Protein backbone atom coordinates (compact mmCIF):
# COMPACT_ATOMS: atom_id res chain seq x y z
CA MET A 1 0.00 0.00 0.00
CA ASP A 2 1.46 3.37 -1.02
CA SER A 3 1.83 5.77 1.91
CA PHE A 4 3.47 8.98 3.11
CA ARG A 5 4.58 9.67 6.66
CA PHE A 6 6.73 11.84 8.93
CA TYR A 7 8.94 9.50 10.95
CA SER A 8 9.84 11.99 13.72
CA TRP A 9 6.69 13.95 14.52
CA SER A 10 8.20 15.58 17.63
CA TRP A 11 9.98 18.25 15.53
CA PHE A 12 6.61 19.81 14.69
CA ALA A 13 6.46 21.08 18.29
CA LEU A 14 8.78 23.88 17.10
CA VAL A 15 6.24 25.24 14.62
CA PRO A 16 4.20 27.31 17.14
CA ILE A 17 7.44 28.76 18.56
CA VAL A 18 8.70 29.72 15.09
CA LEU A 19 5.40 31.34 14.14
CA ALA A 20 5.31 33.30 17.40
CA LEU A 21 8.87 34.60 16.89
CA VAL A 22 8.21 35.60 13.28
CA TRP A 23 5.02 37.40 14.33
CA PHE A 24 6.87 39.24 17.13
CA TYR A 25 9.72 40.23 14.79
CA SER A 26 7.32 41.48 12.08
CA ARG A 27 5.42 43.59 14.62
CA ARG A 28 8.64 45.07 15.92
CA SER A 29 9.91 45.95 12.44
CA LYS A 30 6.79 48.05 11.82
CA ARG A 31 7.81 50.68 14.40
CA PRO A 32 8.23 54.15 12.76
CA ALA A 33 11.79 55.34 12.08
CA SER A 34 10.77 58.98 11.81
CA LEU A 35 7.91 61.00 13.27
CA TYR A 36 5.70 63.25 11.18
CA SER A 37 2.94 65.54 12.25
CA SER A 38 0.43 63.83 9.92
CA ILE A 39 0.45 61.06 7.27
CA ALA A 40 -3.21 61.39 6.35
CA ASP A 41 -2.38 62.62 2.85
CA LEU A 42 -0.32 59.49 2.14
CA LYS A 43 -3.18 57.01 2.81
CA GLY A 44 -4.77 57.61 -0.58
CA MET A 45 -1.66 56.65 -2.53
CA PRO A 46 -1.85 53.36 -4.51
CA VAL A 47 -0.14 50.23 -3.12
CA THR A 48 2.52 48.89 -5.49
CA TRP A 49 3.25 45.20 -6.04
CA MET A 50 6.69 45.68 -4.48
CA GLN A 51 5.00 46.90 -1.31
CA ARG A 52 2.79 43.77 -1.31
CA VAL A 53 5.87 41.57 -1.71
CA ASN A 54 7.56 43.39 1.15
CA ARG A 55 4.56 42.80 3.42
CA SER A 56 4.58 39.06 2.60
CA LEU A 57 8.26 38.55 3.45
CA PRO A 58 7.59 37.59 7.12
CA PHE A 59 5.02 35.04 5.95
CA LEU A 60 7.47 33.59 3.39
CA PHE A 61 10.19 33.46 6.05
CA ALA A 62 7.85 31.49 8.35
CA VAL A 63 7.01 29.11 5.49
CA GLY A 64 10.71 28.50 4.87
CA LEU A 65 11.37 27.72 8.54
CA CYS A 66 8.35 25.34 8.65
CA LEU A 67 9.70 23.52 5.59
CA ILE A 68 13.04 23.07 7.36
CA ILE A 69 11.23 21.70 10.42
CA ALA A 70 9.26 19.34 8.16
CA GLY A 71 12.58 18.14 6.72
CA LEU A 72 13.94 17.49 10.23
CA SER A 73 10.80 15.39 10.87
CA ARG A 74 12.03 12.93 8.23
CA PRO A 75 9.28 12.85 5.61
CA GLN A 76 9.15 9.45 3.91
CA SER A 77 7.33 8.02 0.92
CA GLY A 78 7.04 4.35 0.12
CA LYS A 79 5.04 1.19 0.58
CA SER A 80 3.90 -0.70 3.63
CA GLY A 81 1.77 -3.77 4.10
CA SER A 82 1.33 -7.01 5.93
CA ARG A 83 0.96 -10.67 5.13
CA ILE A 84 -1.16 -13.04 7.19
CA MET A 85 0.43 -16.40 7.83
CA GLY A 86 -1.22 -19.29 9.63
CA GLN A 87 -3.79 -22.01 9.37
CA GLY A 88 -7.45 -21.81 10.34
CA ILE A 89 -9.79 -24.28 11.97
CA ALA A 90 -12.04 -26.68 10.11
CA ILE A 91 -15.53 -26.71 11.66
CA GLU A 92 -18.32 -29.09 10.72
CA LEU A 93 -21.77 -28.05 11.92
CA VAL A 94 -24.12 -30.99 12.47
CA LEU A 95 -27.71 -29.78 12.91
CA ASP A 96 -30.82 -31.70 13.87
CA ILE A 97 -33.80 -31.10 11.54
CA SER A 98 -35.99 -33.89 12.91
CA GLY A 99 -39.70 -33.43 13.62
CA SER A 100 -39.22 -32.26 17.21
CA MET A 101 -37.34 -29.17 15.93
CA GLU A 102 -40.76 -27.68 15.06
CA ALA A 103 -41.61 -27.22 18.75
CA LEU A 104 -42.53 -23.57 19.42
CA ASP A 105 -40.70 -22.93 22.69
CA PHE A 106 -38.15 -20.36 21.44
CA GLN A 107 -38.50 -16.62 20.84
CA LEU A 108 -36.87 -14.20 18.40
CA ASN A 109 -37.67 -10.48 18.57
CA ASP A 110 -40.49 -11.22 21.05
CA LYS A 111 -42.15 -13.67 18.64
CA ASP A 112 -42.66 -17.38 19.22
CA VAL A 113 -40.62 -19.38 16.72
CA SER A 114 -39.69 -23.00 16.23
CA ARG A 115 -36.48 -24.44 17.59
CA LEU A 116 -35.18 -24.79 14.04
CA GLU A 117 -35.80 -21.12 13.22
CA ALA A 118 -33.91 -20.04 16.34
CA VAL A 119 -31.04 -22.42 15.52
CA LYS A 120 -30.78 -21.15 11.95
CA HIS A 121 -30.63 -17.56 13.22
CA VAL A 122 -27.90 -18.21 15.80
CA VAL A 123 -25.84 -20.52 13.57
CA SER A 124 -25.88 -17.91 10.80
CA GLU A 125 -24.51 -15.37 13.29
CA PHE A 126 -21.88 -17.88 14.45
CA ILE A 127 -20.66 -18.22 10.86
CA ALA A 128 -20.89 -14.60 9.71
CA GLY A 129 -20.46 -12.81 13.03
CA SER A 130 -22.76 -10.61 15.12
CA ARG A 131 -21.75 -7.80 17.47
CA LYS A 132 -25.11 -8.00 19.25
CA SER A 133 -24.67 -11.68 20.09
CA GLY A 134 -20.95 -11.35 20.83
CA LEU A 135 -19.96 -13.59 17.92
CA ALA A 136 -16.83 -12.66 15.96
CA GLY A 137 -17.57 -14.90 12.98
CA ARG A 138 -15.35 -17.56 11.42
CA ARG A 139 -13.89 -15.50 8.56
CA ASP A 140 -10.63 -17.46 8.23
CA ASP A 141 -12.02 -20.94 8.96
CA LEU A 142 -13.34 -23.69 6.76
CA VAL A 143 -16.95 -24.39 7.76
CA GLY A 144 -19.19 -27.20 6.50
CA LEU A 145 -22.74 -28.33 7.22
CA VAL A 146 -24.42 -31.68 7.82
CA ALA A 147 -28.16 -31.88 8.56
CA PHE A 148 -29.77 -35.00 9.96
CA CYS A 149 -33.17 -36.34 10.87
CA GLY A 150 -33.88 -40.03 10.26
CA PHE A 151 -30.88 -39.97 7.94
CA ALA A 152 -27.85 -37.69 7.53
CA ASP A 153 -27.18 -35.45 4.54
CA SER A 154 -24.15 -33.29 3.75
CA LYS A 155 -25.63 -29.91 2.83
CA CYS A 156 -22.37 -28.03 2.22
CA PRO A 157 -18.71 -29.13 2.05
CA LEU A 158 -16.04 -27.31 4.04
CA THR A 159 -15.83 -23.86 2.49
CA LEU A 160 -14.62 -20.29 2.97
CA ASP A 161 -17.66 -19.00 1.05
CA HIS A 162 -19.56 -18.26 4.22
CA GLY A 163 -22.18 -16.17 2.45
CA ALA A 164 -23.34 -19.19 0.47
CA LEU A 165 -23.20 -21.37 3.57
CA VAL A 166 -25.45 -18.97 5.51
CA GLU A 167 -28.01 -19.12 2.69
CA ILE A 168 -27.98 -22.93 2.89
CA VAL A 169 -28.48 -22.80 6.66
CA LYS A 170 -31.46 -20.49 6.21
CA SER A 171 -33.03 -22.92 3.73
CA LEU A 172 -33.10 -25.90 6.14
CA GLU A 173 -36.57 -27.34 6.75
CA VAL A 174 -38.09 -30.17 8.75
CA PRO A 175 -39.39 -32.99 6.50
CA ARG A 176 -43.08 -32.46 5.75
CA ALA A 177 -45.98 -34.49 4.50
CA ILE A 178 -46.58 -34.36 0.74
CA ARG A 179 -50.25 -34.48 -0.26
CA ASP A 180 -51.94 -35.14 -3.55
CA ARG A 181 -54.87 -33.12 -4.92
CA ARG A 182 -57.32 -34.95 -2.70
CA GLY A 183 -55.25 -34.24 0.43
CA LYS A 184 -53.91 -37.77 0.84
CA VAL A 185 -50.34 -38.07 2.18
CA ILE A 186 -48.27 -39.78 -0.50
CA ASN A 187 -45.00 -40.08 1.45
CA GLN A 188 -46.47 -41.63 4.57
CA ASP A 189 -44.24 -44.72 4.34
CA THR A 190 -41.02 -42.67 4.62
CA LEU A 191 -42.23 -39.64 6.57
CA ASN A 192 -42.08 -41.25 10.02
CA GLU A 193 -38.53 -42.42 9.32
CA GLU A 194 -37.50 -38.97 8.09
CA LEU A 195 -38.90 -37.29 11.22
CA ALA A 196 -36.80 -39.51 13.53
CA THR A 197 -33.38 -38.60 15.01
CA ALA A 198 -30.20 -40.35 13.84
CA ILE A 199 -27.55 -38.65 15.98
CA GLY A 200 -24.89 -41.28 15.34
CA ASP A 201 -25.27 -41.08 11.55
CA GLY A 202 -25.07 -37.27 11.65
CA VAL A 203 -21.86 -37.29 13.69
CA ALA A 204 -20.32 -40.04 11.57
CA LEU A 205 -20.97 -38.10 8.36
CA GLY A 206 -19.52 -34.94 9.91
CA VAL A 207 -16.39 -36.83 10.95
CA ASP A 208 -16.05 -38.21 7.42
CA ARG A 209 -16.12 -34.66 6.00
CA LEU A 210 -13.42 -33.52 8.45
CA LYS A 211 -10.97 -36.41 8.44
CA ASP A 212 -9.11 -35.55 5.22
CA THR A 213 -8.77 -31.79 5.71
CA LYS A 214 -5.30 -30.36 6.34
CA ALA A 215 -6.49 -27.83 8.91
CA LYS A 216 -4.45 -27.44 12.09
CA SER A 217 -7.51 -28.07 14.28
CA LYS A 218 -10.73 -29.97 13.53
CA VAL A 219 -13.97 -29.30 15.38
CA LEU A 220 -17.43 -30.82 15.09
CA VAL A 221 -20.41 -29.03 16.69
CA LEU A 222 -23.47 -31.24 17.15
CA LEU A 223 -26.85 -29.68 17.95
CA THR A 224 -29.93 -31.74 18.72
CA ASP A 225 -33.11 -31.59 20.77
CA GLY A 226 -33.89 -35.29 20.93
CA ASP A 227 -32.81 -38.83 21.68
CA ASN A 228 -31.12 -41.13 19.20
CA ASN A 229 -33.88 -43.37 17.79
CA ALA A 230 -32.79 -44.08 14.21
CA GLY A 231 -29.77 -44.67 12.03
CA VAL A 232 -27.22 -47.43 11.70
CA ILE A 233 -24.30 -45.99 13.69
CA GLU A 234 -24.42 -45.81 17.47
CA PRO A 235 -23.63 -42.28 18.79
CA ARG A 236 -20.88 -43.43 21.16
CA GLU A 237 -19.21 -45.27 18.32
CA ALA A 238 -19.29 -42.13 16.17
CA ALA A 239 -17.75 -40.12 19.04
CA SER A 240 -15.05 -42.75 19.45
CA ILE A 241 -14.13 -42.43 15.76
CA ALA A 242 -13.93 -38.65 16.15
CA LYS A 243 -11.58 -39.05 19.11
CA GLU A 244 -9.29 -41.41 17.17
CA LEU A 245 -9.03 -38.86 14.35
CA GLY A 246 -8.24 -35.98 16.72
CA ILE A 247 -11.59 -34.25 16.19
CA LYS A 248 -13.16 -32.33 19.07
CA LEU A 249 -16.90 -32.95 19.39
CA TYR A 250 -18.89 -30.18 21.07
CA THR A 251 -22.46 -31.25 21.81
CA ILE A 252 -25.44 -28.94 22.35
CA GLY A 253 -28.83 -30.01 23.63
CA ILE A 254 -31.69 -27.55 23.20
CA GLY A 255 -35.30 -27.28 24.35
CA ARG A 256 -37.22 -26.87 27.58
CA ASN A 257 -38.09 -29.66 29.95
CA GLY A 258 -41.79 -30.49 30.09
CA PRO A 259 -44.61 -30.16 27.55
CA VAL A 260 -44.13 -27.51 24.84
CA PRO A 261 -46.38 -26.19 22.03
CA PHE A 262 -46.01 -28.37 18.97
CA PRO A 263 -47.74 -27.96 15.57
CA GLN A 264 -49.39 -31.00 13.99
CA GLU A 265 -51.45 -31.61 10.88
CA ASP A 266 -54.93 -33.05 11.29
CA GLU A 267 -56.58 -35.36 8.77
CA PHE A 268 -57.51 -32.38 6.63
CA GLY A 269 -53.96 -31.00 6.44
CA ARG A 270 -54.64 -28.16 8.84
CA ARG A 271 -51.89 -27.24 11.34
CA VAL A 272 -53.05 -27.26 14.98
CA LEU A 273 -51.12 -26.77 18.20
CA VAL A 274 -50.86 -29.55 20.76
CA ARG A 275 -48.78 -30.05 23.90
CA ALA A 276 -45.90 -32.47 23.42
CA GLN A 277 -42.81 -33.47 25.36
CA PHE A 278 -39.47 -34.52 23.86
CA ARG A 279 -36.64 -36.21 25.72
CA VAL A 280 -33.06 -35.00 25.36
CA ASP A 281 -30.49 -37.62 26.34
CA GLU A 282 -28.17 -35.19 28.10
CA GLY A 283 -26.12 -38.01 29.61
CA LEU A 284 -25.32 -39.35 26.14
CA LEU A 285 -24.46 -35.92 24.74
CA ARG A 286 -22.24 -35.08 27.71
CA GLU A 287 -20.42 -38.38 27.40
CA MET A 288 -19.88 -37.89 23.67
CA GLY A 289 -18.45 -34.40 24.10
CA GLU A 290 -16.19 -35.10 27.06
CA SER A 291 -14.80 -38.28 25.48
CA THR A 292 -13.18 -36.15 22.73
CA GLY A 293 -11.81 -33.46 25.09
CA ALA A 294 -14.65 -31.06 24.38
CA MET A 295 -17.81 -30.10 26.31
CA TYR A 296 -21.58 -30.44 26.46
CA PHE A 297 -23.91 -27.41 26.60
CA HIS A 298 -27.63 -26.98 27.08
CA ALA A 299 -29.74 -24.06 25.86
CA SER A 300 -33.43 -23.54 26.57
CA ASP A 301 -33.89 -20.27 24.65
CA ALA A 302 -32.37 -18.24 21.82
CA ASP A 303 -30.22 -16.06 24.09
CA GLY A 304 -28.84 -19.12 25.84
CA LEU A 305 -28.07 -20.73 22.49
CA ALA A 306 -26.21 -17.60 21.33
CA LYS A 307 -24.14 -17.70 24.54
CA VAL A 308 -23.29 -21.35 23.90
CA TYR A 309 -21.99 -20.62 20.42
CA ALA A 310 -20.14 -17.57 21.79
CA GLN A 311 -18.35 -19.85 24.28
CA ILE A 312 -17.38 -22.27 21.55
CA ASP A 313 -16.33 -19.31 19.40
CA GLN A 314 -13.91 -18.15 22.13
CA MET A 315 -12.51 -21.61 22.86
CA GLU A 316 -11.85 -22.48 19.23
CA ARG A 317 -10.05 -19.49 17.68
CA SER A 318 -7.66 -19.57 14.75
CA GLU A 319 -4.04 -18.65 15.44
CA PHE A 320 -2.48 -16.40 12.82
CA GLU A 321 0.79 -14.50 12.59
CA GLU A 322 0.99 -11.16 10.84
CA ALA A 323 4.25 -10.32 9.07
CA LYS A 324 4.62 -6.58 8.40
CA PHE A 325 6.94 -5.11 5.77
CA SER A 326 7.75 -1.58 4.61
CA GLN A 327 10.04 0.19 2.14
CA TYR A 328 10.38 3.98 2.38
CA THR A 329 12.45 6.66 0.65
CA GLU A 330 13.72 9.63 2.67
CA LEU A 331 12.46 13.00 1.39
CA PHE A 332 14.45 15.16 3.83
CA ARG A 333 16.50 16.95 1.17
CA TRP A 334 13.43 18.13 -0.77
CA PHE A 335 11.81 19.79 2.23
CA ALA A 336 15.05 21.09 3.78
CA CYS A 337 16.43 22.48 0.51
CA ALA A 338 13.13 24.15 -0.32
CA GLY A 339 12.98 25.69 3.16
CA LEU A 340 16.58 26.90 3.06
CA GLY A 341 15.98 28.33 -0.42
CA VAL A 342 12.96 30.32 0.74
CA VAL A 343 14.77 31.60 3.86
CA PHE A 344 17.84 32.58 1.79
CA CYS A 345 15.71 34.42 -0.80
CA VAL A 346 13.89 36.36 1.93
CA TYR A 347 17.20 37.30 3.53
CA ILE A 348 18.66 38.50 0.20
CA MET A 349 15.56 40.60 -0.54
CA LYS A 350 15.57 42.11 2.95
CA GLU A 351 19.25 43.06 2.53
CA THR A 352 18.94 44.44 -1.00
CA ARG A 353 15.75 45.66 -2.61
CA PHE A 354 13.72 45.89 0.60
CA ARG A 355 16.45 47.07 2.91
CA SER A 356 15.30 49.95 5.11
CA LEU A 357 17.18 52.47 7.16
CA PRO A 358 16.61 52.38 10.91
């Protein structure tokens, strides 16, 4: 980056002193050398350009001295910059989109929202950053996304294109019933399986996406509100594989204890609210997290969830080194020579053309 600077700014402290001395000297030089009874008749005479030059000599003298001071301050022109060196963290987000994530026990902006809507909001801030939530964002880290319900699906590979990743997060939906023109559910055979919770499969797929990356640190963040009741891989087995590959597994359980509002479709396809209760196997999640050297967290509302991600954000930061470089050319001679030239010219004019008798 091209830049200009004064290396020794302290010399500029002389500028007010120089200006004060020049002002005092110019005021003193205006004292009359001879006394006359009246100079009223002389006031109407035209002012010549030589008189204007003579009046500006103190100003020019001050400019010359300021240029000399600027030269002593070592003006420099050149280039400066920095290069970031280091290696970021690879983070795989594993999010639950099973049927229980539609429970309406979270709030955003004083409105009741589903657990999934709150998760999408906070996870987006975790990726992109949010001053309000205290999240710095993961600008230099590879971040990927796995979503799971009754089966696991890789929604986004590890990427630095966090804008695209946030859009994918916002598009996540709980599996829904598909109806024909007469209102009959045509995916009933698979819907119940899709609405289940395969925690082990989700973690295993996340581990598979992380294992081959060259990142210095590998982190998997699992979020779920339910108990493992589907899939082919047992959650503890998936956590054990993560440990063997040096992957930290942070686990987050969300939702309130007790019955919560839950939307359901009646036989006519209308959504109605009922009271439902969902079990979170906190013992399992805690065991999975601690077995890999990480932690388990629980959040019962959106603010609590944001604080959980903020904690993880602080614990798993990228380490980078910044190498600074600069190349400057000294410009002392240009300022000093110009200042000396102005001062010398003023002195010559004061001693020749504009010399006055005392």
